[in-house]
Amino acid sequence: MIDIASLVLGDFQDTIVAAFGSTFGWITGHIIVLLLVLSTLWIIQNRYHILNESGWGYSNIKDISVIILLTAVQYLVYVNLLGFPGAASLGISVAGTISLRWHILVLE
């Protein structure tokens, strides 16, 4: 059997297989991947409705995207270049990004 779930879920798929057994773990992992794909497609198809009816505008989506991107870049620098642990790197990245955003908004 082709194991797409291991490619997408990584070590989480191994945990599912260890918990449920090889057959049911394979099925469960692939159901999770299928639900992720279907959810993504549903969001893409309804993106205009989401943008128009949610009360969020383009500026909010752009702001969230920049925050996520800055946090991810900082996390990668802390983990890969500086060798910090993952949880500490995530905390420092989130705090640094929120602090940077606050400084920009206050000084603007």
N, C-alpha and C. Protein backbone atom coordinates (compact mmCIF):
# COMPACT_ATOMS: atom_id res chain seq x y z
N MET A 1 0.83 -1.18 0.00
CA MET A 1 0.00 0.00 0.00
C MET A 1 0.88 1.25 0.00
N ILE A 2 0.43 2.26 -0.69
CA ILE A 2 1.13 3.54 -0.72
C ILE A 2 0.80 4.29 0.56
N ASP A 3 1.84 4.83 1.19
CA ASP A 3 1.65 5.49 2.47
C ASP A 3 1.86 7.00 2.32
N ILE A 4 0.85 7.68 1.79
CA ILE A 4 0.91 9.12 1.60
C ILE A 4 0.87 9.83 2.95
N ALA A 5 0.16 9.27 3.89
CA ALA A 5 0.02 9.91 5.20
C ALA A 5 1.36 10.07 5.90
N SER A 6 2.28 9.14 5.72
CA SER A 6 3.60 9.28 6.33
C SER A 6 4.37 10.43 5.74
N LEU A 7 4.18 10.68 4.45
CA LEU A 7 4.85 11.81 3.81
C LEU A 7 4.31 13.14 4.32
N VAL A 8 2.99 13.21 4.54
CA VAL A 8 2.36 14.45 4.95
C VAL A 8 2.46 14.64 6.47
N LEU A 9 2.15 13.62 7.23
CA LEU A 9 2.06 13.75 8.68
C LEU A 9 3.37 13.48 9.40
N GLY A 10 4.30 12.81 8.76
CA GLY A 10 5.61 12.54 9.36
C GLY A 10 5.53 11.61 10.56
N ASP A 11 6.14 12.02 11.66
CA ASP A 11 6.19 11.19 12.87
C ASP A 11 4.82 11.01 13.51
N PHE A 12 3.90 11.93 13.25
CA PHE A 12 2.55 11.79 13.78
C PHE A 12 1.88 10.53 13.23
N GLN A 13 2.15 10.20 11.97
CA GLN A 13 1.60 8.98 11.39
C GLN A 13 2.15 7.75 12.10
N ASP A 14 3.43 7.78 12.46
CA ASP A 14 4.01 6.66 13.21
C ASP A 14 3.34 6.50 14.56
N THR A 15 2.98 7.61 15.20
CA THR A 15 2.28 7.57 16.47
C THR A 15 0.89 6.99 16.30
N ILE A 16 0.21 7.36 15.22
CA ILE A 16 -1.12 6.82 14.94
C ILE A 16 -1.05 5.32 14.71
N VAL A 17 -0.05 4.88 13.94
CA VAL A 17 0.11 3.44 13.68
C VAL A 17 0.43 2.69 14.97
N ALA A 18 1.26 3.28 15.83
CA ALA A 18 1.58 2.64 17.10
C ALA A 18 0.35 2.54 18.00
N ALA A 19 -0.54 3.54 17.92
CA ALA A 19 -1.72 3.54 18.77
C ALA A 19 -2.82 2.63 18.26
N PHE A 20 -3.04 2.60 16.94
CA PHE A 20 -4.19 1.88 16.38
C PHE A 20 -3.84 0.61 15.63
N GLY A 21 -2.56 0.32 15.43
CA GLY A 21 -2.18 -0.84 14.63
C GLY A 21 -1.93 -0.42 13.20
N SER A 22 -1.34 -1.31 12.43
CA SER A 22 -0.90 -0.92 11.09
C SER A 22 -2.06 -0.63 10.14
N THR A 23 -3.08 -1.48 10.09
CA THR A 23 -4.16 -1.28 9.14
C THR A 23 -5.04 -0.10 9.52
N PHE A 24 -5.54 -0.08 10.75
CA PHE A 24 -6.42 1.00 11.17
C PHE A 24 -5.65 2.32 11.27
N GLY A 25 -4.37 2.27 11.63
CA GLY A 25 -3.54 3.47 11.66
C GLY A 25 -3.33 4.04 10.27
N TRP A 26 -3.14 3.15 9.28
CA TRP A 26 -3.00 3.59 7.89
C TRP A 26 -4.29 4.27 7.43
N ILE A 27 -5.43 3.66 7.74
CA ILE A 27 -6.73 4.23 7.35
C ILE A 27 -6.95 5.57 8.05
N THR A 28 -6.68 5.64 9.34
CA THR A 28 -6.88 6.87 10.10
C THR A 28 -5.99 8.00 9.58
N GLY A 29 -4.74 7.71 9.31
CA GLY A 29 -3.82 8.71 8.78
C GLY A 29 -4.27 9.25 7.44
N HIS A 30 -4.75 8.36 6.57
CA HIS A 30 -5.19 8.79 5.25
C HIS A 30 -6.52 9.55 5.32
N ILE A 31 -7.35 9.22 6.29
CA ILE A 31 -8.58 10.01 6.48
C ILE A 31 -8.22 11.43 6.94
N ILE A 32 -7.23 11.55 7.83
CA ILE A 32 -6.79 12.87 8.28
C ILE A 32 -6.25 13.68 7.10
N VAL A 33 -5.43 13.05 6.26
CA VAL A 33 -4.89 13.75 5.08
C VAL A 33 -6.01 14.14 4.13
N LEU A 34 -6.98 13.26 3.92
CA LEU A 34 -8.11 13.57 3.04
C LEU A 34 -8.92 14.73 3.59
N LEU A 35 -9.16 14.75 4.90
CA LEU A 35 -9.88 15.86 5.51
C LEU A 35 -9.12 17.18 5.39
N LEU A 36 -7.80 17.13 5.53
CA LEU A 36 -6.99 18.34 5.35
C LEU A 36 -7.09 18.87 3.92
N VAL A 37 -7.03 17.96 2.94
CA VAL A 37 -7.13 18.37 1.54
C VAL A 37 -8.51 18.93 1.24
N LEU A 38 -9.55 18.25 1.70
CA LEU A 38 -10.92 18.74 1.46
C LEU A 38 -11.17 20.08 2.15
N SER A 39 -10.65 20.26 3.36
CA SER A 39 -10.81 21.54 4.06
C SER A 39 -10.09 22.66 3.31
N THR A 40 -8.91 22.38 2.81
CA THR A 40 -8.18 23.38 2.04
C THR A 40 -8.92 23.75 0.77
N LEU A 41 -9.43 22.76 0.06
CA LEU A 41 -10.20 23.03 -1.15
C LEU A 41 -11.46 23.83 -0.85
N TRP A 42 -12.14 23.51 0.23
CA TRP A 42 -13.36 24.22 0.61
C TRP A 42 -13.04 25.68 0.93
N ILE A 43 -11.93 25.91 1.64
CA ILE A 43 -11.52 27.28 1.97
C ILE A 43 -11.18 28.05 0.70
N ILE A 44 -10.48 27.42 -0.23
CA ILE A 44 -10.11 28.10 -1.47
C ILE A 44 -11.35 28.42 -2.29
N GLN A 45 -12.30 27.50 -2.36
CA GLN A 45 -13.52 27.76 -3.12
C GLN A 45 -14.37 28.86 -2.51
N ASN A 46 -14.36 28.99 -1.21
CA ASN A 46 -15.20 29.97 -0.53
C ASN A 46 -14.41 31.18 -0.05
N ARG A 47 -13.26 31.44 -0.63
CA ARG A 47 -12.40 32.52 -0.14
C ARG A 47 -13.07 33.88 -0.27
N TYR A 48 -13.83 34.13 -1.33
CA TYR A 48 -14.47 35.43 -1.48
C TYR A 48 -15.59 35.61 -0.46
N HIS A 49 -16.32 34.56 -0.19
CA HIS A 49 -17.36 34.62 0.83
C HIS A 49 -16.74 34.86 2.21
N ILE A 50 -15.66 34.18 2.47
CA ILE A 50 -14.97 34.33 3.76
C ILE A 50 -14.46 35.76 3.91
N LEU A 51 -13.85 36.30 2.85
CA LEU A 51 -13.33 37.66 2.93
C LEU A 51 -14.44 38.69 3.05
N ASN A 52 -15.55 38.49 2.34
CA ASN A 52 -16.63 39.48 2.35
C ASN A 52 -17.49 39.42 3.60
N GLU A 53 -17.72 38.25 4.15
CA GLU A 53 -18.66 38.09 5.26
C GLU A 53 -18.01 37.98 6.63
N SER A 54 -16.71 37.82 6.69
CA SER A 54 -16.07 37.61 7.99
C SER A 54 -15.80 38.90 8.75
N GLY A 55 -15.82 40.03 8.05
CA GLY A 55 -15.49 41.29 8.69
C GLY A 55 -14.00 41.58 8.63
N TRP A 56 -13.24 40.66 8.10
CA TRP A 56 -11.81 40.86 7.93
C TRP A 56 -11.56 41.34 6.52
N GLY A 57 -10.71 42.33 6.40
CA GLY A 57 -10.37 42.83 5.08
C GLY A 57 -9.01 42.33 4.64
N TYR A 58 -8.59 42.87 3.51
CA TYR A 58 -7.30 42.49 2.95
C TYR A 58 -6.16 42.87 3.90
N SER A 59 -6.29 44.00 4.58
CA SER A 59 -5.22 44.43 5.49
C SER A 59 -5.05 43.47 6.67
N ASN A 60 -6.16 42.92 7.17
CA ASN A 60 -6.07 41.95 8.27
C ASN A 60 -5.38 40.66 7.82
N ILE A 61 -5.76 40.18 6.64
CA ILE A 61 -5.15 38.95 6.12
C ILE A 61 -3.67 39.17 5.85
N LYS A 62 -3.32 40.34 5.31
CA LYS A 62 -1.92 40.65 5.05
C LYS A 62 -1.14 40.73 6.36
N ASP A 63 -1.72 41.34 7.37
CA ASP A 63 -1.07 41.48 8.67
C ASP A 63 -0.82 40.11 9.31
N ILE A 64 -1.81 39.25 9.26
CA ILE A 64 -1.67 37.89 9.82
C ILE A 64 -0.61 37.11 9.05
N SER A 65 -0.61 37.24 7.73
CA SER A 65 0.38 36.53 6.91
C SER A 65 1.80 36.98 7.23
N VAL A 66 1.99 38.28 7.40
CA VAL A 66 3.32 38.79 7.74
C VAL A 66 3.75 38.31 9.12
N ILE A 67 2.83 38.30 10.06
CA ILE A 67 3.16 37.82 11.41
C ILE A 67 3.57 36.35 11.38
N ILE A 68 2.83 35.53 10.65
CA ILE A 68 3.17 34.11 10.55
C ILE A 68 4.51 33.92 9.85
N LEU A 69 4.75 34.67 8.78
CA LEU A 69 6.01 34.56 8.05
C LEU A 69 7.20 34.97 8.91
N LEU A 70 7.08 36.10 9.62
CA LEU A 70 8.17 36.54 10.49
C LEU A 70 8.43 35.55 11.62
N THR A 71 7.37 35.00 12.18
CA THR A 71 7.54 34.02 13.24
C THR A 71 8.23 32.77 12.72
N ALA A 72 7.84 32.31 11.53
CA ALA A 72 8.45 31.11 10.95
C ALA A 72 9.93 31.34 10.63
N VAL A 73 10.26 32.50 10.09
CA VAL A 73 11.66 32.80 9.77
C VAL A 73 12.49 32.84 11.05
N GLN A 74 12.00 33.51 12.07
CA GLN A 74 12.74 33.57 13.33
C GLN A 74 12.90 32.18 13.93
N TYR A 75 11.83 31.37 13.87
CA TYR A 75 11.89 30.02 14.42
C TYR A 75 12.98 29.20 13.71
N LEU A 76 13.01 29.29 12.39
CA LEU A 76 14.02 28.55 11.63
C LEU A 76 15.43 29.01 11.96
N VAL A 77 15.61 30.30 12.15
CA VAL A 77 16.93 30.81 12.52
C VAL A 77 17.33 30.29 13.90
N TYR A 78 16.42 30.36 14.86
CA TYR A 78 16.75 29.92 16.22
C TYR A 78 17.03 28.42 16.28
N VAL A 79 16.24 27.63 15.56
CA VAL A 79 16.41 26.17 15.64
C VAL A 79 17.62 25.71 14.82
N ASN A 80 17.70 26.17 13.56
CA ASN A 80 18.73 25.63 12.66
C ASN A 80 20.09 26.30 12.82
N LEU A 81 20.12 27.60 12.96
CA LEU A 81 21.40 28.28 13.04
C LEU A 81 21.95 28.38 14.45
N LEU A 82 21.07 28.62 15.41
CA LEU A 82 21.54 28.82 16.78
C LEU A 82 21.41 27.58 17.65
N GLY A 83 20.67 26.57 17.20
CA GLY A 83 20.57 25.31 17.92
C GLY A 83 19.71 25.35 19.18
N PHE A 84 18.78 26.27 19.26
CA PHE A 84 17.88 26.33 20.41
C PHE A 84 16.88 25.19 20.36
N PRO A 85 16.30 24.78 21.49
CA PRO A 85 15.22 23.79 21.49
C PRO A 85 13.98 24.34 20.79
N GLY A 86 13.14 23.44 20.27
CA GLY A 86 11.98 23.85 19.49
C GLY A 86 10.97 24.69 20.24
N ALA A 87 10.61 24.28 21.45
CA ALA A 87 9.59 25.01 22.21
C ALA A 87 10.08 26.41 22.59
N ALA A 88 11.33 26.50 23.02
CA ALA A 88 11.89 27.80 23.38
C ALA A 88 11.98 28.70 22.15
N SER A 89 12.35 28.12 21.02
CA SER A 89 12.45 28.89 19.78
C SER A 89 11.10 29.44 19.36
N LEU A 90 10.06 28.64 19.51
CA LEU A 90 8.72 29.10 19.15
C LEU A 90 8.29 30.24 20.06
N GLY A 91 8.54 30.12 21.35
CA GLY A 91 8.18 31.18 22.29
C GLY A 91 8.92 32.47 22.01
N ILE A 92 10.22 32.38 21.76
CA ILE A 92 11.01 33.57 21.46
C ILE A 92 10.56 34.19 20.14
N SER A 93 10.25 33.36 19.16
CA SER A 93 9.81 33.85 17.85
C SER A 93 8.49 34.60 17.95
N VAL A 94 7.54 34.03 18.66
CA VAL A 94 6.23 34.68 18.82
C VAL A 94 6.39 35.98 19.58
N ALA A 95 7.15 35.96 20.67
CA ALA A 95 7.35 37.17 21.47
C ALA A 95 8.08 38.25 20.65
N GLY A 96 9.08 37.85 19.89
CA GLY A 96 9.81 38.81 19.07
C GLY A 96 8.95 39.42 17.98
N THR A 97 8.13 38.61 17.35
CA THR A 97 7.25 39.12 16.29
C THR A 97 6.19 40.06 16.84
N ILE A 98 5.58 39.69 17.96
CA ILE A 98 4.56 40.56 18.56
C ILE A 98 5.20 41.86 19.04
N SER A 99 6.40 41.79 19.60
CA SER A 99 7.10 43.00 20.04
C SER A 99 7.43 43.90 18.84
N LEU A 100 7.90 43.30 17.76
CA LEU A 100 8.21 44.07 16.56
C LEU A 100 6.96 44.74 16.00
N ARG A 101 5.86 44.01 15.97
CA ARG A 101 4.61 44.58 15.46
C ARG A 101 4.15 45.73 16.35
N TRP A 102 4.26 45.57 17.66
CA TRP A 102 3.87 46.62 18.58
C TRP A 102 4.71 47.88 18.37
N HIS A 103 6.02 47.68 18.23
CA HIS A 103 6.90 48.83 18.01
C HIS A 103 6.56 49.55 16.71
N ILE A 104 6.28 48.81 15.65
CA ILE A 104 5.93 49.43 14.38
C ILE A 104 4.62 50.21 14.49
N LEU A 105 3.63 49.63 15.16
CA LEU A 105 2.35 50.32 15.30
C LEU A 105 2.46 51.56 16.17
N VAL A 106 3.25 51.50 17.22
CA VAL A 106 3.39 52.64 18.12
C VAL A 106 4.20 53.75 17.46
N LEU A 107 5.26 53.39 16.76
CA LEU A 107 6.11 54.39 16.13
C LEU A 107 5.56 54.92 14.81
N GLU A 108 4.58 54.26 14.28
CA GLU A 108 3.97 54.68 13.02
C GLU A 108 3.13 55.85 13.25
